[in-house]
Amino acid sequence: MNNPVIMRVELATNAAPFVPKRLVATFSLVAPQGNSADVVVSDGKGGSADLPPGSQFRFEKVDLAELSVRGKAGEEVFVVGHTA
């Protein structure tokens, strides 16, 4: 059985992992339309993606501990999905 994964992550200018330990999930990252800057998501291996305000991106069976996120301090991003 899959468990829901629903998180609100407050952004900072320095990159930080979404979670401190392994959490494999299928989820959407949602950058709220109210944000004023892009959310930057990185895999820590040189790859990164910018999520503009009001956008979302879907991930399939990804470990949230291996992804880091940064953006304008005080803004947020949401993780909505379920465990894999």
N, C-alpha and C. Protein backbone atom coordinates (compact mmCIF):
# COMPACT_ATOMS: atom_id res chain seq x y z
N MET A 1 0.83 -1.17 0.00
CA MET A 1 0.00 0.00 0.00
C MET A 1 0.88 1.24 0.00
N ASN A 2 0.51 2.23 -0.80
CA ASN A 2 1.25 3.48 -0.87
C ASN A 2 0.75 4.46 0.18
N ASN A 3 1.67 5.19 0.77
CA ASN A 3 1.33 6.22 1.75
C ASN A 3 1.40 7.58 1.10
N PRO A 4 0.53 8.51 1.49
CA PRO A 4 0.58 9.84 0.90
C PRO A 4 1.84 10.59 1.33
N VAL A 5 2.34 11.40 0.44
CA VAL A 5 3.47 12.28 0.72
C VAL A 5 3.00 13.69 0.37
N ILE A 6 2.83 14.53 1.38
CA ILE A 6 2.38 15.90 1.19
C ILE A 6 3.25 16.79 2.07
N MET A 7 4.03 17.67 1.42
CA MET A 7 4.95 18.52 2.17
C MET A 7 4.92 19.95 1.64
N ARG A 8 5.08 20.89 2.53
CA ARG A 8 5.34 22.28 2.18
C ARG A 8 6.79 22.54 2.58
N VAL A 9 7.60 22.97 1.62
CA VAL A 9 9.02 23.19 1.88
C VAL A 9 9.31 24.68 1.73
N GLU A 10 9.79 25.29 2.81
CA GLU A 10 10.19 26.70 2.75
C GLU A 10 11.57 26.78 2.12
N LEU A 11 11.71 27.66 1.16
CA LEU A 11 12.95 27.78 0.40
C LEU A 11 13.97 28.67 1.10
N ALA A 12 15.23 28.44 0.77
CA ALA A 12 16.35 29.27 1.22
C ALA A 12 17.27 29.47 0.02
N THR A 13 18.18 30.42 0.12
CA THR A 13 19.08 30.67 -1.00
C THR A 13 20.13 29.57 -1.16
N ASN A 14 20.42 28.84 -0.08
CA ASN A 14 21.35 27.71 -0.16
C ASN A 14 20.56 26.43 -0.41
N ALA A 15 21.08 25.56 -1.26
CA ALA A 15 20.41 24.30 -1.57
C ALA A 15 20.39 23.38 -0.35
N ALA A 16 19.26 22.71 -0.18
CA ALA A 16 19.10 21.76 0.92
C ALA A 16 18.25 20.59 0.43
N PRO A 17 18.51 19.36 0.93
CA PRO A 17 17.70 18.22 0.52
C PRO A 17 16.26 18.37 1.00
N PHE A 18 15.34 17.76 0.26
CA PHE A 18 13.93 17.80 0.65
C PHE A 18 13.70 17.10 1.97
N VAL A 19 14.35 15.95 2.18
CA VAL A 19 14.20 15.17 3.41
C VAL A 19 15.57 14.67 3.85
N PRO A 20 15.76 14.40 5.15
CA PRO A 20 17.08 13.99 5.64
C PRO A 20 17.44 12.52 5.36
N LYS A 21 16.43 11.66 5.16
CA LYS A 21 16.75 10.25 4.90
C LYS A 21 15.89 9.73 3.76
N ARG A 22 16.24 8.58 3.25
CA ARG A 22 15.62 7.99 2.06
C ARG A 22 14.09 8.01 2.11
N LEU A 23 13.48 8.51 1.02
CA LEU A 23 12.03 8.51 0.86
C LEU A 23 11.73 8.46 -0.63
N VAL A 24 11.50 7.25 -1.14
CA VAL A 24 11.22 7.07 -2.56
C VAL A 24 9.73 7.27 -2.79
N ALA A 25 9.42 8.15 -3.75
CA ALA A 25 8.03 8.50 -3.98
C ALA A 25 7.79 8.86 -5.45
N THR A 26 6.54 8.82 -5.84
CA THR A 26 6.06 9.39 -7.10
C THR A 26 5.28 10.62 -6.69
N PHE A 27 5.68 11.78 -7.23
CA PHE A 27 5.12 13.03 -6.73
C PHE A 27 5.20 14.13 -7.78
N SER A 28 4.48 15.20 -7.51
CA SER A 28 4.58 16.42 -8.29
C SER A 28 5.18 17.50 -7.40
N LEU A 29 6.12 18.27 -7.96
CA LEU A 29 6.61 19.47 -7.31
C LEU A 29 5.78 20.61 -7.84
N VAL A 30 5.25 21.42 -6.95
CA VAL A 30 4.38 22.52 -7.36
C VAL A 30 4.98 23.82 -6.83
N ALA A 31 5.32 24.72 -7.77
CA ALA A 31 5.81 26.04 -7.41
C ALA A 31 4.62 26.99 -7.43
N PRO A 32 4.20 27.52 -6.28
CA PRO A 32 3.02 28.36 -6.24
C PRO A 32 3.13 29.59 -7.14
N GLN A 33 2.02 30.00 -7.67
CA GLN A 33 1.97 31.16 -8.55
C GLN A 33 2.36 32.44 -7.80
N GLY A 34 2.21 32.44 -6.50
CA GLY A 34 2.57 33.60 -5.69
C GLY A 34 4.06 33.79 -5.49
N ASN A 35 4.89 32.79 -5.83
CA ASN A 35 6.34 32.95 -5.74
C ASN A 35 6.77 34.03 -6.72
N SER A 36 7.86 34.72 -6.40
CA SER A 36 8.38 35.76 -7.30
C SER A 36 9.63 35.34 -8.05
N ALA A 37 10.16 34.16 -7.72
CA ALA A 37 11.38 33.67 -8.38
C ALA A 37 11.25 32.18 -8.65
N ASP A 38 12.08 31.68 -9.56
CA ASP A 38 12.10 30.26 -9.88
C ASP A 38 12.56 29.43 -8.69
N VAL A 39 12.07 28.20 -8.61
CA VAL A 39 12.55 27.20 -7.66
C VAL A 39 13.58 26.36 -8.43
N VAL A 40 14.76 26.18 -7.87
CA VAL A 40 15.81 25.40 -8.54
C VAL A 40 15.94 24.05 -7.83
N VAL A 41 15.75 22.98 -8.61
CA VAL A 41 15.84 21.62 -8.09
C VAL A 41 17.06 20.97 -8.70
N SER A 42 17.88 20.31 -7.89
CA SER A 42 19.11 19.70 -8.37
C SER A 42 19.21 18.26 -7.89
N ASP A 43 19.87 17.43 -8.72
CA ASP A 43 20.10 16.04 -8.34
C ASP A 43 21.45 15.85 -7.66
N GLY A 44 22.21 16.92 -7.48
CA GLY A 44 23.51 16.84 -6.83
C GLY A 44 24.60 16.26 -7.71
N LYS A 45 24.29 15.93 -8.95
CA LYS A 45 25.26 15.35 -9.88
C LYS A 45 25.51 16.28 -11.06
N GLY A 46 25.14 17.55 -10.90
CA GLY A 46 25.35 18.52 -11.98
C GLY A 46 24.10 18.88 -12.73
N GLY A 47 23.03 18.08 -12.58
CA GLY A 47 21.78 18.39 -13.27
C GLY A 47 20.88 19.24 -12.40
N SER A 48 20.23 20.22 -13.01
CA SER A 48 19.27 21.03 -12.27
C SER A 48 18.14 21.47 -13.20
N ALA A 49 17.04 21.86 -12.60
CA ALA A 49 15.88 22.34 -13.36
C ALA A 49 15.27 23.51 -12.62
N ASP A 50 14.81 24.51 -13.38
CA ASP A 50 14.14 25.67 -12.81
C ASP A 50 12.63 25.49 -12.97
N LEU A 51 11.92 25.67 -11.89
CA LEU A 51 10.45 25.65 -11.93
C LEU A 51 9.96 27.07 -11.75
N PRO A 52 9.43 27.69 -12.80
CA PRO A 52 8.91 29.04 -12.66
C PRO A 52 7.66 29.07 -11.78
N PRO A 53 7.34 30.21 -11.19
CA PRO A 53 6.11 30.31 -10.40
C PRO A 53 4.89 29.85 -11.21
N GLY A 54 4.04 29.07 -10.55
CA GLY A 54 2.82 28.57 -11.19
C GLY A 54 3.00 27.30 -11.98
N SER A 55 4.17 26.68 -11.89
CA SER A 55 4.40 25.44 -12.66
C SER A 55 4.48 24.23 -11.74
N GLN A 56 4.41 23.06 -12.36
CA GLN A 56 4.58 21.82 -11.61
C GLN A 56 5.34 20.82 -12.48
N PHE A 57 6.00 19.88 -11.83
CA PHE A 57 6.78 18.87 -12.53
C PHE A 57 6.59 17.54 -11.81
N ARG A 58 6.37 16.49 -12.57
CA ARG A 58 6.10 15.16 -12.00
C ARG A 58 7.37 14.31 -11.98
N PHE A 59 7.58 13.59 -10.89
CA PHE A 59 8.70 12.67 -10.72
C PHE A 59 8.14 11.28 -10.45
N GLU A 60 8.73 10.26 -11.05
CA GLU A 60 8.31 8.87 -10.86
C GLU A 60 9.39 8.11 -10.09
N LYS A 61 9.05 7.59 -8.93
CA LYS A 61 9.93 6.75 -8.12
C LYS A 61 11.32 7.37 -7.92
N VAL A 62 11.33 8.54 -7.31
CA VAL A 62 12.57 9.29 -7.06
C VAL A 62 12.75 9.41 -5.54
N ASP A 63 14.01 9.29 -5.10
CA ASP A 63 14.34 9.45 -3.69
C ASP A 63 14.45 10.95 -3.38
N LEU A 64 13.54 11.45 -2.56
CA LEU A 64 13.54 12.87 -2.21
C LEU A 64 14.81 13.29 -1.46
N ALA A 65 15.50 12.36 -0.82
CA ALA A 65 16.74 12.68 -0.12
C ALA A 65 17.87 12.98 -1.09
N GLU A 66 17.74 12.55 -2.35
CA GLU A 66 18.77 12.79 -3.36
C GLU A 66 18.55 14.07 -4.14
N LEU A 67 17.42 14.74 -3.91
CA LEU A 67 17.14 16.01 -4.57
C LEU A 67 17.32 17.15 -3.60
N SER A 68 17.93 18.23 -4.07
CA SER A 68 18.03 19.43 -3.25
C SER A 68 17.27 20.55 -3.93
N VAL A 69 16.89 21.54 -3.14
CA VAL A 69 16.07 22.63 -3.63
C VAL A 69 16.58 23.95 -3.05
N ARG A 70 16.44 25.00 -3.86
CA ARG A 70 16.76 26.34 -3.38
C ARG A 70 15.89 27.34 -4.13
N GLY A 71 15.82 28.53 -3.63
CA GLY A 71 15.02 29.57 -4.25
C GLY A 71 15.10 30.83 -3.43
N LYS A 72 14.17 31.72 -3.65
CA LYS A 72 14.13 32.97 -2.90
C LYS A 72 13.70 32.66 -1.46
N ALA A 73 14.50 33.12 -0.52
CA ALA A 73 14.24 32.85 0.89
C ALA A 73 12.83 33.29 1.28
N GLY A 74 12.13 32.41 1.99
CA GLY A 74 10.79 32.69 2.46
C GLY A 74 9.69 32.23 1.53
N GLU A 75 10.03 31.93 0.26
CA GLU A 75 9.02 31.39 -0.64
C GLU A 75 8.93 29.88 -0.42
N GLU A 76 8.09 29.19 -1.18
CA GLU A 76 7.84 27.78 -0.88
C GLU A 76 7.64 26.96 -2.14
N VAL A 77 7.70 25.65 -1.94
CA VAL A 77 7.37 24.68 -2.98
C VAL A 77 6.63 23.54 -2.27
N PHE A 78 5.73 22.90 -2.99
CA PHE A 78 4.94 21.81 -2.42
C PHE A 78 5.30 20.49 -3.10
N VAL A 79 5.30 19.42 -2.31
CA VAL A 79 5.50 18.06 -2.80
C VAL A 79 4.20 17.31 -2.53
N VAL A 80 3.58 16.78 -3.59
CA VAL A 80 2.31 16.09 -3.44
C VAL A 80 2.37 14.78 -4.22
N GLY A 81 2.21 13.65 -3.52
CA GLY A 81 2.26 12.36 -4.19
C GLY A 81 2.06 11.21 -3.22
N HIS A 82 2.79 10.11 -3.48
CA HIS A 82 2.69 8.91 -2.64
C HIS A 82 3.98 8.14 -2.69
N THR A 83 4.19 7.29 -1.69
CA THR A 83 5.39 6.47 -1.67
C THR A 83 5.34 5.48 -2.82
N ALA A 84 6.52 5.09 -3.26
CA ALA A 84 6.61 4.15 -4.39
C ALA A 84 6.74 2.73 -3.90
